[in-house]
């Protein structure tokens, strides 16, 4: 049984958990998420699997 995990969904999951635990960090988490997703999109790493 193979399990592949994309980077985008993993970052989203971590960001969502952090927002639930520490709502004050919402602005920083959203900003970091957008930066990371932008970098992934620019460099074409969206297809890589961990």
PDB file of N, CA and C in Angstrom:
ATOM      1  N   UNK A   1       0.845  -1.179   0.000  1.00  0.00           N
ATOM      2  CA  UNK A   1       0.000   0.000   0.000  1.00  0.00           C
ATOM      3  C   UNK A   1       0.890   1.241   0.000  1.00  0.00           C
ATOM      4  N   UNK A   2       0.741   2.059  -1.020  1.00  0.00           N
ATOM      5  CA  UNK A   2       1.536   3.283  -1.121  1.00  0.00           C
ATOM      6  C   UNK A   2       0.706   4.483  -0.735  1.00  0.00           C
ATOM      7  N   UNK A   3       1.276   5.352   0.076  1.00  0.00           N
ATOM      8  CA  UNK A   3       0.621   6.599   0.464  1.00  0.00           C
ATOM      9  C   UNK A   3       1.496   7.742  -0.016  1.00  0.00           C
ATOM     10  N   UNK A   4       0.938   8.582  -0.885  1.00  0.00           N
ATOM     11  CA  UNK A   4       1.685   9.756  -1.341  1.00  0.00           C
ATOM     12  C   UNK A   4       1.076  10.990  -0.702  1.00  0.00           C
ATOM     13  N   UNK A   5       1.927  11.910  -0.368  1.00  0.00           N
ATOM     14  CA  UNK A   5       1.486  13.114   0.330  1.00  0.00           C
ATOM     15  C   UNK A   5       2.050  14.321  -0.388  1.00  0.00           C
ATOM     16  N   UNK A   6       1.151  15.174  -0.903  1.00  0.00           N
ATOM     17  CA  UNK A   6       1.584  16.394  -1.576  1.00  0.00           C
ATOM     18  C   UNK A   6       1.968  17.445  -0.552  1.00  0.00           C
ATOM     19  N   UNK A   7       2.781  18.372  -0.963  1.00  0.00           N
ATOM     20  CA  UNK A   7       3.262  19.408  -0.052  1.00  0.00           C
ATOM     21  C   UNK A   7       2.177  20.433   0.262  1.00  0.00           C
ATOM     22  N   UNK A   8       1.365  20.791  -0.716  1.00  0.00           N
ATOM     23  CA  UNK A   8       0.313  21.785  -0.518  1.00  0.00           C
ATOM     24  C   UNK A   8      -0.700  21.397   0.553  1.00  0.00           C
ATOM     25  N   UNK A   9      -1.284  20.196   0.450  1.00  0.00           N
ATOM     26  CA  UNK A   9      -2.240  19.776   1.483  1.00  0.00           C
ATOM     27  C   UNK A   9      -1.618  19.650   2.870  1.00  0.00           C
ATOM     28  N   UNK A  10      -0.359  19.252   2.930  1.00  0.00           N
ATOM     29  CA  UNK A  10       0.318  19.136   4.220  1.00  0.00           C
ATOM     30  C   UNK A  10       0.480  20.503   4.872  1.00  0.00           C
ATOM     31  N   UNK A  11       0.879  21.492   4.087  1.00  0.00           N
ATOM     32  CA  UNK A  11       1.025  22.856   4.608  1.00  0.00           C
ATOM     33  C   UNK A  11      -0.330  23.394   5.056  1.00  0.00           C
ATOM     34  N   UNK A  12      -1.378  23.107   4.283  1.00  0.00           N
ATOM     35  CA  UNK A  12      -2.725  23.552   4.648  1.00  0.00           C
ATOM     36  C   UNK A  12      -3.174  22.941   5.968  1.00  0.00           C
ATOM     37  N   UNK A  13      -2.910  21.672   6.149  1.00  0.00           N
ATOM     38  CA  UNK A  13      -3.297  20.989   7.383  1.00  0.00           C
ATOM     39  C   UNK A  13      -2.581  21.584   8.587  1.00  0.00           C
ATOM     40  N   UNK A  14      -1.293  21.804   8.470  1.00  0.00           N
ATOM     41  CA  UNK A  14      -0.527  22.387   9.572  1.00  0.00           C
ATOM     42  C   UNK A  14      -1.005  23.789   9.875  1.00  0.00           C
ATOM     43  N   UNK A  15      -1.261  24.593   8.840  1.00  0.00           N
ATOM     44  CA  UNK A  15      -1.751  25.956   9.042  1.00  0.00           C
ATOM     45  C   UNK A  15      -3.111  25.943   9.735  1.00  0.00           C
ATOM     46  N   UNK A  16      -3.988  25.054   9.327  1.00  0.00           N
ATOM     47  CA  UNK A  16      -5.314  24.962   9.954  1.00  0.00           C
ATOM     48  C   UNK A  16      -5.233  24.588  11.423  1.00  0.00           C
ATOM     49  N   UNK A  17      -4.365  23.663  11.756  1.00  0.00           N
ATOM     50  CA  UNK A  17      -4.213  23.260  13.157  1.00  0.00           C
ATOM     51  C   UNK A  17      -3.653  24.410  13.980  1.00  0.00           C
ATOM     52  N   UNK A  18      -2.670  25.119  13.438  1.00  0.00           N
ATOM     53  CA  UNK A  18      -2.091  26.251  14.168  1.00  0.00           C
ATOM     54  C   UNK A  18      -3.115  27.362  14.385  1.00  0.00           C
ATOM     55  N   UNK A  19      -3.982  27.600  13.394  1.00  0.00           N
ATOM     56  CA  UNK A  19      -5.016  28.621  13.549  1.00  0.00           C
ATOM     57  C   UNK A  19      -5.997  28.216  14.647  1.00  0.00           C
ATOM     58  N   UNK A  20      -6.341  26.939  14.711  1.00  0.00           N
ATOM     59  CA  UNK A  20      -7.248  26.477  15.761  1.00  0.00           C
ATOM     60  C   UNK A  20      -6.620  26.603  17.149  1.00  0.00           C
ATOM     61  N   UNK A  21      -5.340  26.298  17.250  1.00  0.00           N
ATOM     62  CA  UNK A  21      -4.671  26.319  18.548  1.00  0.00           C
ATOM     63  C   UNK A  21      -4.351  27.745  18.987  1.00  0.00           C
ATOM     64  N   UNK A  22      -3.863  28.561  18.054  1.00  0.00           N
ATOM     65  CA  UNK A  22      -3.446  29.927  18.385  1.00  0.00           C
ATOM     66  C   UNK A  22      -4.085  30.916  17.407  1.00  0.00           C
ATOM     67  N   UNK A  23      -5.332  31.335  17.630  1.00  0.00           N
ATOM     68  CA  UNK A  23      -6.018  32.218  16.677  1.00  0.00           C
ATOM     69  C   UNK A  23      -5.330  33.569  16.478  1.00  0.00           C
ATOM     70  N   UNK A  24      -4.535  34.031  17.437  1.00  0.00           N
ATOM     71  CA  UNK A  24      -3.835  35.310  17.289  1.00  0.00           C
ATOM     72  C   UNK A  24      -2.843  35.283  16.132  1.00  0.00           C
ATOM     73  N   UNK A  25      -2.366  34.112  15.778  1.00  0.00           N
ATOM     74  CA  UNK A  25      -1.364  33.993  14.723  1.00  0.00           C
ATOM     75  C   UNK A  25      -1.969  33.906  13.328  1.00  0.00           C
ATOM     76  N   UNK A  26      -3.263  34.156  13.211  1.00  0.00           N
ATOM     77  CA  UNK A  26      -3.959  33.972  11.937  1.00  0.00           C
ATOM     78  C   UNK A  26      -3.287  34.748  10.802  1.00  0.00           C
ATOM     79  N   UNK A  27      -2.990  36.020  11.008  1.00  0.00           N
ATOM     80  CA  UNK A  27      -2.388  36.825   9.944  1.00  0.00           C
ATOM     81  C   UNK A  27      -1.045  36.263   9.502  1.00  0.00           C
ATOM     82  N   UNK A  28      -0.215  35.880  10.461  1.00  0.00           N
ATOM     83  CA  UNK A  28       1.105  35.347  10.116  1.00  0.00           C
ATOM     84  C   UNK A  28       0.996  33.997   9.405  1.00  0.00           C
ATOM     85  N   UNK A  29       0.094  33.159   9.885  1.00  0.00           N
ATOM     86  CA  UNK A  29      -0.062  31.831   9.280  1.00  0.00           C
ATOM     87  C   UNK A  29      -0.566  31.952   7.851  1.00  0.00           C
ATOM     88  N   UNK A  30      -1.548  32.819   7.634  1.00  0.00           N
ATOM     89  CA  UNK A  30      -2.071  33.012   6.282  1.00  0.00           C
ATOM     90  C   UNK A  30      -0.985  33.574   5.365  1.00  0.00           C
ATOM     91  N   UNK A  31      -0.234  34.541   5.847  1.00  0.00           N
ATOM     92  CA  UNK A  31       0.835  35.122   5.038  1.00  0.00           C
ATOM     93  C   UNK A  31       1.891  34.073   4.688  1.00  0.00           C
ATOM     94  N   UNK A  32       2.321  33.288   5.654  1.00  0.00           N
ATOM     95  CA  UNK A  32       3.315  32.247   5.386  1.00  0.00           C
ATOM     96  C   UNK A  32       2.773  31.200   4.426  1.00  0.00           C
ATOM     97  N   UNK A  33       1.510  30.833   4.611  1.00  0.00           N
ATOM     98  CA  UNK A  33       0.893  29.843   3.727  1.00  0.00           C
ATOM     99  C   UNK A  33       0.894  30.356   2.286  1.00  0.00           C
ATOM    100  N   UNK A  34       0.478  31.602   2.094  1.00  0.00           N
ATOM    101  CA  UNK A  34       0.435  32.152   0.744  1.00  0.00           C
ATOM    102  C   UNK A  34       1.828  32.250   0.129  1.00  0.00           C
ATOM    103  N   UNK A  35       2.814  32.607   0.922  1.00  0.00           N
ATOM    104  CA  UNK A  35       4.188  32.678   0.422  1.00  0.00           C
ATOM    105  C   UNK A  35       4.679  31.292   0.017  1.00  0.00           C
ATOM    106  N   UNK A  36       4.437  30.299   0.852  1.00  0.00           N
ATOM    107  CA  UNK A  36       4.901  28.938   0.553  1.00  0.00           C
ATOM    108  C   UNK A  36       4.214  28.391  -0.693  1.00  0.00           C
ATOM    109  N   UNK A  37       2.899  28.575  -0.801  1.00  0.00           N
ATOM    110  CA  UNK A  37       2.167  28.086  -1.966  1.00  0.00           C
ATOM    111  C   UNK A  37       2.629  28.829  -3.230  1.00  0.00           C
ATOM    112  N   UNK A  38       2.914  30.122  -3.104  1.00  0.00           N
ATOM    113  CA  UNK A  38       3.426  30.880  -4.236  1.00  0.00           C
ATOM    114  C   UNK A  38       4.773  30.376  -4.706  1.00  0.00           C
ATOM    115  N   UNK A  39       5.656  30.088  -3.767  1.00  0.00           N
ATOM    116  CA  UNK A  39       6.986  29.569  -4.119  1.00  0.00           C
ATOM    117  C   UNK A  39       6.860  28.200  -4.775  1.00  0.00           C
ATOM    118  N   UNK A  40       5.985  27.363  -4.227  1.00  0.00           N
ATOM    119  CA  UNK A  40       5.770  26.041  -4.826  1.00  0.00           C
ATOM    120  C   UNK A  40       5.254  26.193  -6.245  1.00  0.00           C
ATOM    121  N   UNK A  41       4.325  27.120  -6.466  1.00  0.00           N
ATOM    122  CA  UNK A  41       3.787  27.340  -7.797  1.00  0.00           C
ATOM    123  C   UNK A  41       4.819  27.875  -8.770  1.00  0.00           C
ATOM    124  N   UNK A  42       5.663  28.785  -8.311  1.00  0.00           N
ATOM    125  CA  UNK A  42       6.672  29.371  -9.192  1.00  0.00           C
ATOM    126  C   UNK A  42       7.730  28.367  -9.625  1.00  0.00           C
ATOM    127  N   UNK A  43       8.154  27.537  -8.702  1.00  0.00           N
ATOM    128  CA  UNK A  43       9.232  26.602  -9.017  1.00  0.00           C
ATOM    129  C   UNK A  43       8.735  25.237  -9.484  1.00  0.00           C
ATOM    130  N   UNK A  44       7.419  25.077  -9.593  1.00  0.00           N
ATOM    131  CA  UNK A  44       6.872  23.847 -10.152  1.00  0.00           C
ATOM    132  C   UNK A  44       7.042  22.628  -9.288  1.00  0.00           C
ATOM    133  N   UNK A  45       7.080  22.803  -7.970  1.00  0.00           N
ATOM    134  CA  UNK A  45       7.253  21.657  -7.090  1.00  0.00           C
ATOM    135  C   UNK A  45       5.919  21.079  -6.656  1.00  0.00           C
ATOM    136  N   UNK A  46       4.820  21.526  -7.241  1.00  0.00           N
ATOM    137  CA  UNK A  46       3.500  21.036  -6.863  1.00  0.00           C
ATOM    138  C   UNK A  46       3.296  19.566  -7.163  1.00  0.00           C
ATOM    139  N   UNK A  47       4.058  19.030  -8.119  1.00  0.00           N
ATOM    140  CA  UNK A  47       3.902  17.630  -8.483  1.00  0.00           C
ATOM    141  C   UNK A  47       4.783  16.687  -7.680  1.00  0.00           C
ATOM    142  N   UNK A  48       5.658  17.198  -6.855  1.00  0.00           N
ATOM    143  CA  UNK A  48       6.524  16.320  -6.086  1.00  0.00           C
ATOM    144  C   UNK A  48       5.763  15.718  -4.927  1.00  0.00           C
ATOM    145  N   UNK A  49       6.096  14.500  -4.605  1.00  0.00           N
ATOM    146  CA  UNK A  49       5.447  13.800  -3.502  1.00  0.00           C
ATOM    147  C   UNK A  49       6.488  13.418  -2.469  1.00  0.00           C
ATOM    148  N   UNK A  50       6.118  13.551  -1.218  1.00  0.00           N
ATOM    149  CA  UNK A  50       7.026  13.166  -0.141  1.00  0.00           C
ATOM    150  C   UNK A  50       6.772  11.740   0.275  1.00  0.00           C
TER     151      UNK A  50
END
